[in-house]
Amino acid sequence: MLSIIIQILLGLGFIMFGLMKFGSKQMVEGFKTYGYSAGFRIFTGMVELVAAVLLIAGVWNEQLAALGGFLVVATMIGAILTHIKIKDTLNNMMMPIILLILGGIVLVLNYTSLIG
């Protein structure tokens, strides 16, 4: 039950985050600040949307939940490394850290479906 609640919250959040990557002024400026191209911003948005779909579909299929959790973890590691690269404050890294932890919980709770 815990995994399903987290999956739905993460899924809805990643739909919003992913869609924002396609043209939100804040995201466009943020990716410029990070030194990333518009193409990478769009790619990141696509990955986030795929993760969202996997997390939500994972309510009915644990393997999809695990894959969605993995994508969240991988994406948030990249986000955290980006914040470190630009010497950002810990406060600005809190959201990616929290999302990393939540994605990790989903991955761990559903991991056995991938290997067994």
PDB file of N, CA and C in Angstrom:
ATOM      1  N   MET A   1       0.820  -1.200   0.000  1.00  0.00           N
ATOM      2  CA  MET A   1       0.000   0.000   0.000  1.00  0.00           C
ATOM      3  C   MET A   1       0.865   1.266   0.000  1.00  0.00           C
ATOM      4  N   LEU A   2       1.956   1.269   0.780  1.00  0.00           N
ATOM      5  CA  LEU A   2       2.849   2.420   0.824  1.00  0.00           C
ATOM      6  C   LEU A   2       3.391   2.729  -0.567  1.00  0.00           C
ATOM      7  N   SER A   3       3.819   1.687  -1.268  1.00  0.00           N
ATOM      8  CA  SER A   3       4.371   1.883  -2.605  1.00  0.00           C
ATOM      9  C   SER A   3       3.336   2.503  -3.537  1.00  0.00           C
ATOM     10  N   ILE A   4       2.100   2.045  -3.465  1.00  0.00           N
ATOM     11  CA  ILE A   4       1.056   2.561  -4.359  1.00  0.00           C
ATOM     12  C   ILE A   4       0.803   4.043  -4.104  1.00  0.00           C
ATOM     13  N   ILE A   5       0.769   4.443  -2.846  1.00  0.00           N
ATOM     14  CA  ILE A   5       0.561   5.853  -2.521  1.00  0.00           C
ATOM     15  C   ILE A   5       1.706   6.702  -3.069  1.00  0.00           C
ATOM     16  N   ILE A   6       2.929   6.247  -2.854  1.00  0.00           N
ATOM     17  CA  ILE A   6       4.096   6.986  -3.357  1.00  0.00           C
ATOM     18  C   ILE A   6       4.088   7.017  -4.881  1.00  0.00           C
ATOM     19  N   GLN A   7       3.755   5.878  -5.505  1.00  0.00           N
ATOM     20  CA  GLN A   7       3.717   5.818  -6.974  1.00  0.00           C
ATOM     21  C   GLN A   7       2.738   6.839  -7.548  1.00  0.00           C
ATOM     22  N   ILE A   8       1.565   6.930  -6.963  1.00  0.00           N
ATOM     23  CA  ILE A   8       0.562   7.866  -7.481  1.00  0.00           C
ATOM     24  C   ILE A   8       1.038   9.302  -7.298  1.00  0.00           C
ATOM     25  N   LEU A   9       1.570   9.614  -6.105  1.00  0.00           N
ATOM     26  CA  LEU A   9       2.069  10.975  -5.868  1.00  0.00           C
ATOM     27  C   LEU A   9       3.230  11.318  -6.801  1.00  0.00           C
ATOM     28  N   LEU A  10       4.196  10.400  -6.909  1.00  0.00           N
ATOM     29  CA  LEU A  10       5.324  10.630  -7.815  1.00  0.00           C
ATOM     30  C   LEU A  10       4.854  10.712  -9.263  1.00  0.00           C
ATOM     31  N   GLY A  11       3.958   9.815  -9.644  1.00  0.00           N
ATOM     32  CA  GLY A  11       3.451   9.812 -11.018  1.00  0.00           C
ATOM     33  C   GLY A  11       2.806  11.135 -11.385  1.00  0.00           C
ATOM     34  N   LEU A  12       1.939  11.631 -10.530  1.00  0.00           N
ATOM     35  CA  LEU A  12       1.282  12.918 -10.801  1.00  0.00           C
ATOM     36  C   LEU A  12       2.302  14.058 -10.827  1.00  0.00           C
ATOM     37  N   GLY A  13       3.236  14.024  -9.874  1.00  0.00           N
ATOM     38  CA  GLY A  13       4.275  15.052  -9.842  1.00  0.00           C
ATOM     39  C   GLY A  13       5.141  15.026 -11.091  1.00  0.00           C
ATOM     40  N   PHE A  14       5.520  13.825 -11.528  1.00  0.00           N
ATOM     41  CA  PHE A  14       6.389  13.732 -12.698  1.00  0.00           C
ATOM     42  C   PHE A  14       5.658  14.052 -13.996  1.00  0.00           C
ATOM     43  N   ILE A  15       4.350  13.893 -14.029  1.00  0.00           N
ATOM     44  CA  ILE A  15       3.599  14.394 -15.191  1.00  0.00           C
ATOM     45  C   ILE A  15       3.748  15.907 -15.242  1.00  0.00           C
ATOM     46  N   MET A  16       3.546  16.551 -14.102  1.00  0.00           N
ATOM     47  CA  MET A  16       3.668  18.011 -14.049  1.00  0.00           C
ATOM     48  C   MET A  16       5.099  18.455 -14.368  1.00  0.00           C
ATOM     49  N   PHE A  17       6.100  17.834 -13.707  1.00  0.00           N
ATOM     50  CA  PHE A  17       7.499  18.213 -13.946  1.00  0.00           C
ATOM     51  C   PHE A  17       7.893  17.983 -15.403  1.00  0.00           C
ATOM     52  N   GLY A  18       7.477  16.836 -15.942  1.00  0.00           N
ATOM     53  CA  GLY A  18       7.821  16.508 -17.327  1.00  0.00           C
ATOM     54  C   GLY A  18       7.227  17.493 -18.304  1.00  0.00           C
ATOM     55  N   LEU A  19       5.954  17.822 -18.127  1.00  0.00           N
ATOM     56  CA  LEU A  19       5.302  18.776 -19.037  1.00  0.00           C
ATOM     57  C   LEU A  19       5.926  20.159 -18.941  1.00  0.00           C
ATOM     58  N   MET A  20       6.348  20.538 -17.755  1.00  0.00           N
ATOM     59  CA  MET A  20       6.986  21.847 -17.578  1.00  0.00           C
ATOM     60  C   MET A  20       8.275  21.965 -18.383  1.00  0.00           C
ATOM     61  N   LYS A  21       8.961  20.844 -18.587  1.00  0.00           N
ATOM     62  CA  LYS A  21      10.225  20.865 -19.331  1.00  0.00           C
ATOM     63  C   LYS A  21      10.017  21.268 -20.796  1.00  0.00           C
ATOM     64  N   PHE A  22       8.790  21.176 -21.283  1.00  0.00           N
ATOM     65  CA  PHE A  22       8.545  21.467 -22.692  1.00  0.00           C
ATOM     66  C   PHE A  22       8.369  22.952 -22.989  1.00  0.00           C
ATOM     67  N   GLY A  23       8.370  23.810 -21.993  1.00  0.00           N
ATOM     68  CA  GLY A  23       8.246  25.218 -22.347  1.00  0.00           C
ATOM     69  C   GLY A  23       8.080  26.179 -21.196  1.00  0.00           C
ATOM     70  N   SER A  24       8.052  25.688 -19.969  1.00  0.00           N
ATOM     71  CA  SER A  24       7.955  26.585 -18.825  1.00  0.00           C
ATOM     72  C   SER A  24       9.162  27.526 -18.840  1.00  0.00           C
ATOM     73  N   LYS A  25       8.903  28.815 -18.718  1.00  0.00           N
ATOM     74  CA  LYS A  25       9.982  29.803 -18.733  1.00  0.00           C
ATOM     75  C   LYS A  25      11.012  29.492 -17.649  1.00  0.00           C
ATOM     76  N   GLN A  26      10.519  29.074 -16.487  1.00  0.00           N
ATOM     77  CA  GLN A  26      11.413  28.735 -15.379  1.00  0.00           C
ATOM     78  C   GLN A  26      12.348  27.582 -15.756  1.00  0.00           C
ATOM     79  N   MET A  27      11.814  26.561 -16.415  1.00  0.00           N
ATOM     80  CA  MET A  27      12.642  25.410 -16.810  1.00  0.00           C
ATOM     81  C   MET A  27      13.610  25.784 -17.928  1.00  0.00           C
ATOM     82  N   VAL A  28      13.134  26.576 -18.885  1.00  0.00           N
ATOM     83  CA  VAL A  28      14.011  27.006 -19.977  1.00  0.00           C
ATOM     84  C   VAL A  28      15.212  27.753 -19.404  1.00  0.00           C
ATOM     85  N   GLU A  29      14.947  28.701 -18.508  1.00  0.00           N
ATOM     86  CA  GLU A  29      16.034  29.472 -17.895  1.00  0.00           C
ATOM     87  C   GLU A  29      16.908  28.598 -17.007  1.00  0.00           C
ATOM     88  N   GLY A  30      16.277  27.682 -16.248  1.00  0.00           N
ATOM     89  CA  GLY A  30      17.035  26.796 -15.369  1.00  0.00           C
ATOM     90  C   GLY A  30      18.031  25.944 -16.133  1.00  0.00           C
ATOM     91  N   PHE A  31      17.595  25.355 -17.233  1.00  0.00           N
ATOM     92  CA  PHE A  31      18.485  24.496 -18.009  1.00  0.00           C
ATOM     93  C   PHE A  31      19.608  25.306 -18.653  1.00  0.00           C
ATOM     94  N   LYS A  32      19.328  26.565 -19.019  1.00  0.00           N
ATOM     95  CA  LYS A  32      20.402  27.438 -19.518  1.00  0.00           C
ATOM     96  C   LYS A  32      21.422  27.684 -18.412  1.00  0.00           C
ATOM     97  N   THR A  33      20.935  27.951 -17.201  1.00  0.00           N
ATOM     98  CA  THR A  33      21.812  28.178 -16.052  1.00  0.00           C
ATOM     99  C   THR A  33      22.684  26.956 -15.782  1.00  0.00           C
ATOM    100  N   TYR A  34      22.099  25.771 -15.937  1.00  0.00           N
ATOM    101  CA  TYR A  34      22.841  24.537 -15.695  1.00  0.00           C
ATOM    102  C   TYR A  34      23.838  24.227 -16.815  1.00  0.00           C
ATOM    103  N   GLY A  35      23.717  24.935 -17.935  1.00  0.00           N
ATOM    104  CA  GLY A  35      24.612  24.704 -19.065  1.00  0.00           C
ATOM    105  C   GLY A  35      24.151  23.579 -19.977  1.00  0.00           C
ATOM    106  N   TYR A  36      22.840  23.272 -19.947  1.00  0.00           N
ATOM    107  CA  TYR A  36      22.292  22.188 -20.765  1.00  0.00           C
ATOM    108  C   TYR A  36      21.500  22.751 -21.939  1.00  0.00           C
ATOM    109  N   SER A  37      21.459  21.989 -23.011  1.00  0.00           N
ATOM    110  CA  SER A  37      20.772  22.411 -24.233  1.00  0.00           C
ATOM    111  C   SER A  37      19.262  22.242 -24.110  1.00  0.00           C
ATOM    112  N   ALA A  38      18.554  22.881 -25.029  1.00  0.00           N
ATOM    113  CA  ALA A  38      17.097  22.727 -25.097  1.00  0.00           C
ATOM    114  C   ALA A  38      16.743  21.270 -25.403  1.00  0.00           C
ATOM    115  N   GLY A  39      17.547  20.623 -26.217  1.00  0.00           N
ATOM    116  CA  GLY A  39      17.302  19.219 -26.542  1.00  0.00           C
ATOM    117  C   GLY A  39      17.380  18.330 -25.309  1.00  0.00           C
ATOM    118  N   PHE A  40      18.347  18.614 -24.430  1.00  0.00           N
ATOM    119  CA  PHE A  40      18.474  17.821 -23.203  1.00  0.00           C
ATOM    120  C   PHE A  40      17.299  18.104 -22.272  1.00  0.00           C
ATOM    121  N   ARG A  41      16.820  19.343 -22.264  1.00  0.00           N
ATOM    122  CA  ARG A  41      15.645  19.689 -21.455  1.00  0.00           C
ATOM    123  C   ARG A  41      14.435  18.897 -21.924  1.00  0.00           C
ATOM    124  N   ILE A  42      14.231  18.809 -23.230  1.00  0.00           N
ATOM    125  CA  ILE A  42      13.111  18.052 -23.790  1.00  0.00           C
ATOM    126  C   ILE A  42      13.281  16.561 -23.494  1.00  0.00           C
ATOM    127  N   PHE A  43      14.496  16.054 -23.656  1.00  0.00           N
ATOM    128  CA  PHE A  43      14.776  14.641 -23.346  1.00  0.00           C
ATOM    129  C   PHE A  43      14.448  14.345 -21.885  1.00  0.00           C
ATOM    130  N   THR A  44      14.866  15.229 -20.990  1.00  0.00           N
ATOM    131  CA  THR A  44      14.583  15.049 -19.566  1.00  0.00           C
ATOM    132  C   THR A  44      13.082  15.028 -19.312  1.00  0.00           C
ATOM    133  N   GLY A  45      12.357  15.918 -19.978  1.00  0.00           N
ATOM    134  CA  GLY A  45      10.897  15.936 -19.846  1.00  0.00           C
ATOM    135  C   GLY A  45      10.273  14.633 -20.317  1.00  0.00           C
ATOM    136  N   MET A  46      10.779  14.090 -21.406  1.00  0.00           N
ATOM    137  CA  MET A  46      10.264  12.809 -21.919  1.00  0.00           C
ATOM    138  C   MET A  46      10.538  11.677 -20.923  1.00  0.00           C
ATOM    139  N   VAL A  47      11.743  11.642 -20.379  1.00  0.00           N
ATOM    140  CA  VAL A  47      12.089  10.609 -19.388  1.00  0.00           C
ATOM    141  C   VAL A  47      11.166  10.725 -18.180  1.00  0.00           C
ATOM    142  N   GLU A  48      10.907  11.953 -17.733  1.00  0.00           N
ATOM    143  CA  GLU A  48      10.031  12.146 -16.576  1.00  0.00           C
ATOM    144  C   GLU A  48       8.602  11.701 -16.876  1.00  0.00           C
ATOM    145  N   LEU A  49       8.122  11.943 -18.087  1.00  0.00           N
ATOM    146  CA  LEU A  49       6.775  11.494 -18.457  1.00  0.00           C
ATOM    147  C   LEU A  49       6.707   9.966 -18.535  1.00  0.00           C
ATOM    148  N   VAL A  50       7.746   9.346 -19.079  1.00  0.00           N
ATOM    149  CA  VAL A  50       7.786   7.878 -19.129  1.00  0.00           C
ATOM    150  C   VAL A  50       7.800   7.318 -17.706  1.00  0.00           C
ATOM    151  N   ALA A  51       8.599   7.925 -16.831  1.00  0.00           N
ATOM    152  CA  ALA A  51       8.641   7.481 -15.434  1.00  0.00           C
ATOM    153  C   ALA A  51       7.259   7.596 -14.801  1.00  0.00           C
ATOM    154  N   ALA A  52       6.562   8.692 -15.075  1.00  0.00           N
ATOM    155  CA  ALA A  52       5.219   8.900 -14.514  1.00  0.00           C
ATOM    156  C   ALA A  52       4.258   7.815 -14.974  1.00  0.00           C
ATOM    157  N   VAL A  53       4.282   7.508 -16.262  1.00  0.00           N
ATOM    158  CA  VAL A  53       3.391   6.477 -16.802  1.00  0.00           C
ATOM    159  C   VAL A  53       3.710   5.124 -16.168  1.00  0.00           C
ATOM    160  N   LEU A  54       5.000   4.810 -16.053  1.00  0.00           N
ATOM    161  CA  LEU A  54       5.400   3.531 -15.449  1.00  0.00           C
ATOM    162  C   LEU A  54       4.967   3.450 -13.983  1.00  0.00           C
ATOM    163  N   LEU A  55       5.131   4.544 -13.256  1.00  0.00           N
ATOM    164  CA  LEU A  55       4.739   4.548 -11.842  1.00  0.00           C
ATOM    165  C   LEU A  55       3.242   4.334 -11.679  1.00  0.00           C
ATOM    166  N   ILE A  56       2.455   5.018 -12.487  1.00  0.00           N
ATOM    167  CA  ILE A  56       1.000   4.884 -12.377  1.00  0.00           C
ATOM    168  C   ILE A  56       0.552   3.502 -12.852  1.00  0.00           C
ATOM    169  N   ALA A  57       1.100   3.032 -13.978  1.00  0.00           N
ATOM    170  CA  ALA A  57       0.772   1.687 -14.455  1.00  0.00           C
ATOM    171  C   ALA A  57       1.267   0.641 -13.461  1.00  0.00           C
ATOM    172  N   GLY A  58       2.290   0.994 -12.695  1.00  0.00           N
ATOM    173  CA  GLY A  58       2.844   0.090 -11.699  1.00  0.00           C
ATOM    174  C   GLY A  58       1.907  -0.215 -10.551  1.00  0.00           C
ATOM    175  N   VAL A  59       0.819   0.535 -10.441  1.00  0.00           N
ATOM    176  CA  VAL A  59      -0.199   0.212  -9.439  1.00  0.00           C
ATOM    177  C   VAL A  59      -0.734  -1.201  -9.714  1.00  0.00           C
ATOM    178  N   TRP A  60      -0.766  -1.583 -10.997  1.00  0.00           N
ATOM    179  CA  TRP A  60      -1.286  -2.901 -11.396  1.00  0.00           C
ATOM    180  C   TRP A  60      -0.189  -3.887 -11.771  1.00  0.00           C
ATOM    181  N   ASN A  61       1.052  -3.406 -11.919  1.00  0.00           N
ATOM    182  CA  ASN A  61       2.141  -4.273 -12.358  1.00  0.00           C
ATOM    183  C   ASN A  61       3.424  -3.852 -11.642  1.00  0.00           C
ATOM    184  N   GLU A  62       3.900  -4.686 -10.718  1.00  0.00           N
ATOM    185  CA  GLU A  62       5.063  -4.335  -9.893  1.00  0.00           C
ATOM    186  C   GLU A  62       6.333  -4.108 -10.709  1.00  0.00           C
ATOM    187  N   GLN A  63       6.489  -4.817 -11.823  1.00  0.00           N
ATOM    188  CA  GLN A  63       7.678  -4.622 -12.652  1.00  0.00           C
ATOM    189  C   GLN A  63       7.716  -3.208 -13.211  1.00  0.00           C
ATOM    190  N   LEU A  64       6.563  -2.715 -13.655  1.00  0.00           N
ATOM    191  CA  LEU A  64       6.511  -1.346 -14.168  1.00  0.00           C
ATOM    192  C   LEU A  64       6.788  -0.337 -13.057  1.00  0.00           C
ATOM    193  N   ALA A  65       6.292  -0.622 -11.857  1.00  0.00           N
ATOM    194  CA  ALA A  65       6.568   0.251 -10.709  1.00  0.00           C
ATOM    195  C   ALA A  65       8.071   0.317 -10.438  1.00  0.00           C
ATOM    196  N   ALA A  66       8.724  -0.841 -10.463  1.00  0.00           N
ATOM    197  CA  ALA A  66      10.169  -0.887 -10.214  1.00  0.00           C
ATOM    198  C   ALA A  66      10.929  -0.103 -11.280  1.00  0.00           C
ATOM    199  N   LEU A  67      10.539  -0.271 -12.538  1.00  0.00           N
ATOM    200  CA  LEU A  67      11.201   0.469 -13.619  1.00  0.00           C
ATOM    201  C   LEU A  67      10.974   1.975 -13.474  1.00  0.00           C
ATOM    202  N   GLY A  68       9.761   2.360 -13.114  1.00  0.00           N
ATOM    203  CA  GLY A  68       9.471   3.780 -12.883  1.00  0.00           C
ATOM    204  C   GLY A  68      10.294   4.322 -11.729  1.00  0.00           C
ATOM    205  N   GLY A  69      10.383   3.552 -10.653  1.00  0.00           N
ATOM    206  CA  GLY A  69      11.209   3.962  -9.518  1.00  0.00           C
ATOM    207  C   GLY A  69      12.669   4.122  -9.914  1.00  0.00           C
ATOM    208  N   PHE A  70      13.158   3.196 -10.743  1.00  0.00           N
ATOM    209  CA  PHE A  70      14.539   3.287 -11.222  1.00  0.00           C
ATOM    210  C   PHE A  70      14.751   4.570 -12.026  1.00  0.00           C
ATOM    211  N   LEU A  71      13.810   4.895 -12.912  1.00  0.00           N
ATOM    212  CA  LEU A  71      13.949   6.125 -13.704  1.00  0.00           C
ATOM    213  C   LEU A  71      13.947   7.366 -12.821  1.00  0.00           C
ATOM    214  N   VAL A  72      13.113   7.366 -11.797  1.00  0.00           N
ATOM    215  CA  VAL A  72      13.091   8.499 -10.862  1.00  0.00           C
ATOM    216  C   VAL A  72      14.452   8.615 -10.169  1.00  0.00           C
ATOM    217  N   VAL A  73      14.969   7.494  -9.678  1.00  0.00           N
ATOM    218  CA  VAL A  73      16.268   7.503  -8.996  1.00  0.00           C
ATOM    219  C   VAL A  73      17.358   8.022  -9.934  1.00  0.00           C
ATOM    220  N   ALA A  74      17.424   7.490 -11.145  1.00  0.00           N
ATOM    221  CA  ALA A  74      18.460   7.900 -12.097  1.00  0.00           C
ATOM    222  C   ALA A  74      18.345   9.384 -12.437  1.00  0.00           C
ATOM    223  N   THR A  75      17.127   9.853 -12.672  1.00  0.00           N
ATOM    224  CA  THR A  75      16.914  11.252 -13.024  1.00  0.00           C
ATOM    225  C   THR A  75      17.292  12.170 -11.862  1.00  0.00           C
ATOM    226  N   MET A  76      16.943  11.768 -10.653  1.00  0.00           N
ATOM    227  CA  MET A  76      17.239  12.611  -9.493  1.00  0.00           C
ATOM    228  C   MET A  76      18.724  12.602  -9.143  1.00  0.00           C
ATOM    229  N   ILE A  77      19.415  11.504  -9.412  1.00  0.00           N
ATOM    230  CA  ILE A  77      20.873  11.511  -9.244  1.00  0.00           C
ATOM    231  C   ILE A  77      21.468  12.551 -10.194  1.00  0.00           C
ATOM    232  N   GLY A  78      20.984  12.562 -11.428  1.00  0.00           N
ATOM    233  CA  GLY A  78      21.441  13.571 -12.387  1.00  0.00           C
ATOM    234  C   GLY A  78      21.128  14.985 -11.923  1.00  0.00           C
ATOM    235  N   ALA A  79      19.941  15.196 -11.369  1.00  0.00           N
ATOM    236  CA  ALA A  79      19.560  16.525 -10.881  1.00  0.00           C
ATOM    237  C   ALA A  79      20.457  16.959  -9.722  1.00  0.00           C
ATOM    238  N   ILE A  80      20.713  16.034  -8.801  1.00  0.00           N
ATOM    239  CA  ILE A  80      21.558  16.359  -7.647  1.00  0.00           C
ATOM    240  C   ILE A  80      22.984  16.674  -8.106  1.00  0.00           C
ATOM    241  N   LEU A  81      23.512  15.876  -9.019  1.00  0.00           N
ATOM    242  CA  LEU A  81      24.859  16.133  -9.543  1.00  0.00           C
ATOM    243  C   LEU A  81      24.922  17.481 -10.256  1.00  0.00           C
ATOM    244  N   THR A  82      23.833  17.849 -10.941  1.00  0.00           N
ATOM    245  CA  THR A  82      23.780  19.157 -11.598  1.00  0.00           C
ATOM    246  C   THR A  82      23.847  20.276 -10.561  1.00  0.00           C
ATOM    247  N   HIS A  83      23.082  20.141  -9.488  1.00  0.00           N
ATOM    248  CA  HIS A  83      23.120  21.165  -8.431  1.00  0.00           C
ATOM    249  C   HIS A  83      24.513  21.255  -7.800  1.00  0.00           C
ATOM    250  N   ILE A  84      25.161  20.106  -7.634  1.00  0.00           N
ATOM    251  CA  ILE A  84      26.529  20.109  -7.096  1.00  0.00           C
ATOM    252  C   ILE A  84      27.469  20.796  -8.082  1.00  0.00           C
ATOM    253  N   LYS A  85      27.310  20.492  -9.372  1.00  0.00           N
ATOM    254  CA  LYS A  85      28.164  21.064 -10.423  1.00  0.00           C
ATOM    255  C   LYS A  85      28.127  22.592 -10.418  1.00  0.00           C
ATOM    256  N   ILE A  86      26.936  23.146 -10.220  1.00  0.00           N
ATOM    257  CA  ILE A  86      26.824  24.612 -10.245  1.00  0.00           C
ATOM    258  C   ILE A  86      27.004  25.225  -8.852  1.00  0.00           C
ATOM    259  N   LYS A  87      27.410  24.372  -7.889  1.00  0.00           N
ATOM    260  CA  LYS A  87      27.645  24.808  -6.513  1.00  0.00           C
ATOM    261  C   LYS A  87      26.402  25.460  -5.900  1.00  0.00           C
ATOM    262  N   ASP A  88      25.276  24.823  -6.122  1.00  0.00           N
ATOM    263  CA  ASP A  88      23.995  25.297  -5.604  1.00  0.00           C
ATOM    264  C   ASP A  88      23.907  25.019  -4.102  1.00  0.00           C
ATOM    265  N   THR A  89      22.955  25.654  -3.454  1.00  0.00           N
ATOM    266  CA  THR A  89      22.779  25.462  -2.013  1.00  0.00           C
ATOM    267  C   THR A  89      22.081  24.130  -1.737  1.00  0.00           C
ATOM    268  N   LEU A  90      22.292  23.605  -0.536  1.00  0.00           N
ATOM    269  CA  LEU A  90      21.627  22.374  -0.128  1.00  0.00           C
ATOM    270  C   LEU A  90      20.114  22.550  -0.159  1.00  0.00           C
ATOM    271  N   ASN A  91      19.657  23.730   0.202  1.00  0.00           N
ATOM    272  CA  ASN A  91      18.217  24.016   0.185  1.00  0.00           C
ATOM    273  C   ASN A  91      17.619  23.780  -1.205  1.00  0.00           C
ATOM    274  N   ASN A  92      18.339  24.167  -2.258  1.00  0.00           N
ATOM    275  CA  ASN A  92      17.850  23.970  -3.622  1.00  0.00           C
ATOM    276  C   ASN A  92      17.948  22.522  -4.078  1.00  0.00           C
ATOM    277  N   MET A  93      18.688  21.707  -3.331  1.00  0.00           N
ATOM    278  CA  MET A  93      18.814  20.289  -3.661  1.00  0.00           C
ATOM    279  C   MET A  93      17.791  19.428  -2.928  1.00  0.00           C
ATOM    280  N   MET A  94      17.036  20.014  -2.017  1.00  0.00           N
ATOM    281  CA  MET A  94      16.141  19.216  -1.180  1.00  0.00           C
ATOM    282  C   MET A  94      15.055  18.484  -1.978  1.00  0.00           C
ATOM    283  N   MET A  95      14.445  19.150  -2.947  1.00  0.00           N
ATOM    284  CA  MET A  95      13.395  18.493  -3.729  1.00  0.00           C
ATOM    285  C   MET A  95      13.940  17.273  -4.475  1.00  0.00           C
ATOM    286  N   PRO A  96      15.053  17.398  -5.220  1.00  0.00           N
ATOM    287  CA  PRO A  96      15.589  16.195  -5.864  1.00  0.00           C
ATOM    288  C   PRO A  96      15.985  15.109  -4.868  1.00  0.00           C
ATOM    289  N   ILE A  97      16.477  15.487  -3.691  1.00  0.00           N
ATOM    290  CA  ILE A  97      16.852  14.495  -2.682  1.00  0.00           C
ATOM    291  C   ILE A  97      15.612  13.747  -2.187  1.00  0.00           C
ATOM    292  N   ILE A  98      14.548  14.486  -1.910  1.00  0.00           N
ATOM    293  CA  ILE A  98      13.299  13.863  -1.451  1.00  0.00           C
ATOM    294  C   ILE A  98      12.739  12.945  -2.532  1.00  0.00           C
ATOM    295  N   LEU A  99      12.739  13.412  -3.784  1.00  0.00           N
ATOM    296  CA  LEU A  99      12.228  12.593  -4.891  1.00  0.00           C
ATOM    297  C   LEU A  99      13.098  11.350  -5.100  1.00  0.00           C
ATOM    298  N   LEU A 100      14.416  11.487  -4.912  1.00  0.00           N
ATOM    299  CA  LEU A 100      15.322  10.344  -4.996  1.00  0.00           C
ATOM    300  C   LEU A 100      14.951   9.302  -3.943  1.00  0.00           C
ATOM    301  N   ILE A 101      14.712   9.749  -2.725  1.00  0.00           N
ATOM    302  CA  ILE A 101      14.356   8.828  -1.647  1.00  0.00           C
ATOM    303  C   ILE A 101      13.026   8.133  -1.953  1.00  0.00           C
ATOM    304  N   LEU A 102      12.033   8.898  -2.402  1.00  0.00           N
ATOM    305  CA  LEU A 102      10.727   8.303  -2.711  1.00  0.00           C
ATOM    306  C   LEU A 102      10.823   7.317  -3.877  1.00  0.00           C
ATOM    307  N   GLY A 103      11.567   7.695  -4.915  1.00  0.00           N
ATOM    308  CA  GLY A 103      11.779   6.770  -6.035  1.00  0.00           C
ATOM    309  C   GLY A 103      12.507   5.520  -5.587  1.00  0.00           C
ATOM    310  N   GLY A 104      13.475   5.679  -4.683  1.00  0.00           N
ATOM    311  CA  GLY A 104      14.207   4.535  -4.138  1.00  0.00           C
ATOM    312  C   GLY A 104      13.309   3.604  -3.348  1.00  0.00           C
ATOM    313  N   ILE A 105      12.377   4.185  -2.599  1.00  0.00           N
ATOM    314  CA  ILE A 105      11.432   3.356  -1.847  1.00  0.00           C
ATOM    315  C   ILE A 105      10.589   2.516  -2.801  1.00  0.00           C
ATOM    316  N   VAL A 106      10.087   3.146  -3.860  1.00  0.00           N
ATOM    317  CA  VAL A 106       9.280   2.407  -4.847  1.00  0.00           C
ATOM    318  C   VAL A 106      10.122   1.306  -5.483  1.00  0.00           C
ATOM    319  N   LEU A 107      11.344   1.634  -5.854  1.00  0.00           N
ATOM    320  CA  LEU A 107      12.228   0.644  -6.480  1.00  0.00           C
ATOM    321  C   LEU A 107      12.479  -0.537  -5.533  1.00  0.00           C
ATOM    322  N   VAL A 108      12.824  -0.260  -4.307  1.00  0.00           N
ATOM    323  CA  VAL A 108      13.131  -1.320  -3.337  1.00  0.00           C
ATOM    324  C   VAL A 108      11.907  -2.179  -3.049  1.00  0.00           C
ATOM    325  N   LEU A 109      10.745  -1.547  -2.866  1.00  0.00           N
ATOM    326  CA  LEU A 109       9.542  -2.308  -2.536  1.00  0.00           C
ATOM    327  C   LEU A 109       9.065  -3.185  -3.698  1.00  0.00           C
ATOM    328  N   ASN A 110       9.477  -2.864  -4.920  1.00  0.00           N
ATOM    329  CA  ASN A 110       9.023  -3.611  -6.090  1.00  0.00           C
ATOM    330  C   ASN A 110      10.160  -4.338  -6.814  1.00  0.00           C
ATOM    331  N   TYR A 111      11.363  -4.254  -6.268  1.00  0.00           N
ATOM    332  CA  TYR A 111      12.556  -4.814  -6.915  1.00  0.00           C
ATOM    333  C   TYR A 111      12.451  -6.311  -7.169  1.00  0.00           C
ATOM    334  N   THR A 112      11.890  -7.039  -6.225  1.00  0.00           N
ATOM    335  CA  THR A 112      11.847  -8.507  -6.372  1.00  0.00           C
ATOM    336  C   THR A 112      11.063  -8.931  -7.607  1.00  0.00           C
ATOM    337  N   SER A 113      10.146  -8.090  -8.066  1.00  0.00           N
ATOM    338  CA  SER A 113       9.395  -8.445  -9.278  1.00  0.00           C
ATOM    339  C   SER A 113      10.278  -8.417 -10.518  1.00  0.00           C
ATOM    340  N   LEU A 114      11.370  -7.683 -10.462  1.00  0.00           N
ATOM    341  CA  LEU A 114      12.286  -7.642 -11.598  1.00  0.00           C
ATOM    342  C   LEU A 114      13.209  -8.854 -11.662  1.00  0.00           C
ATOM    343  N   ILE A 115      13.590  -9.350 -10.489  1.00  0.00           N
ATOM    344  CA  ILE A 115      14.576 -10.437 -10.462  1.00  0.00           C
ATOM    345  C   ILE A 115      13.977 -11.829 -10.268  1.00  0.00           C
ATOM    346  N   GLY A 116      12.714 -11.861  -9.852  1.00  0.00           N
ATOM    347  CA  GLY A 116      12.200 -13.170  -9.517  1.00  0.00           C
ATOM    348  C   GLY A 116      10.956 -13.481 -10.222  1.00  0.00           C
TER     349      GLY A 116
END
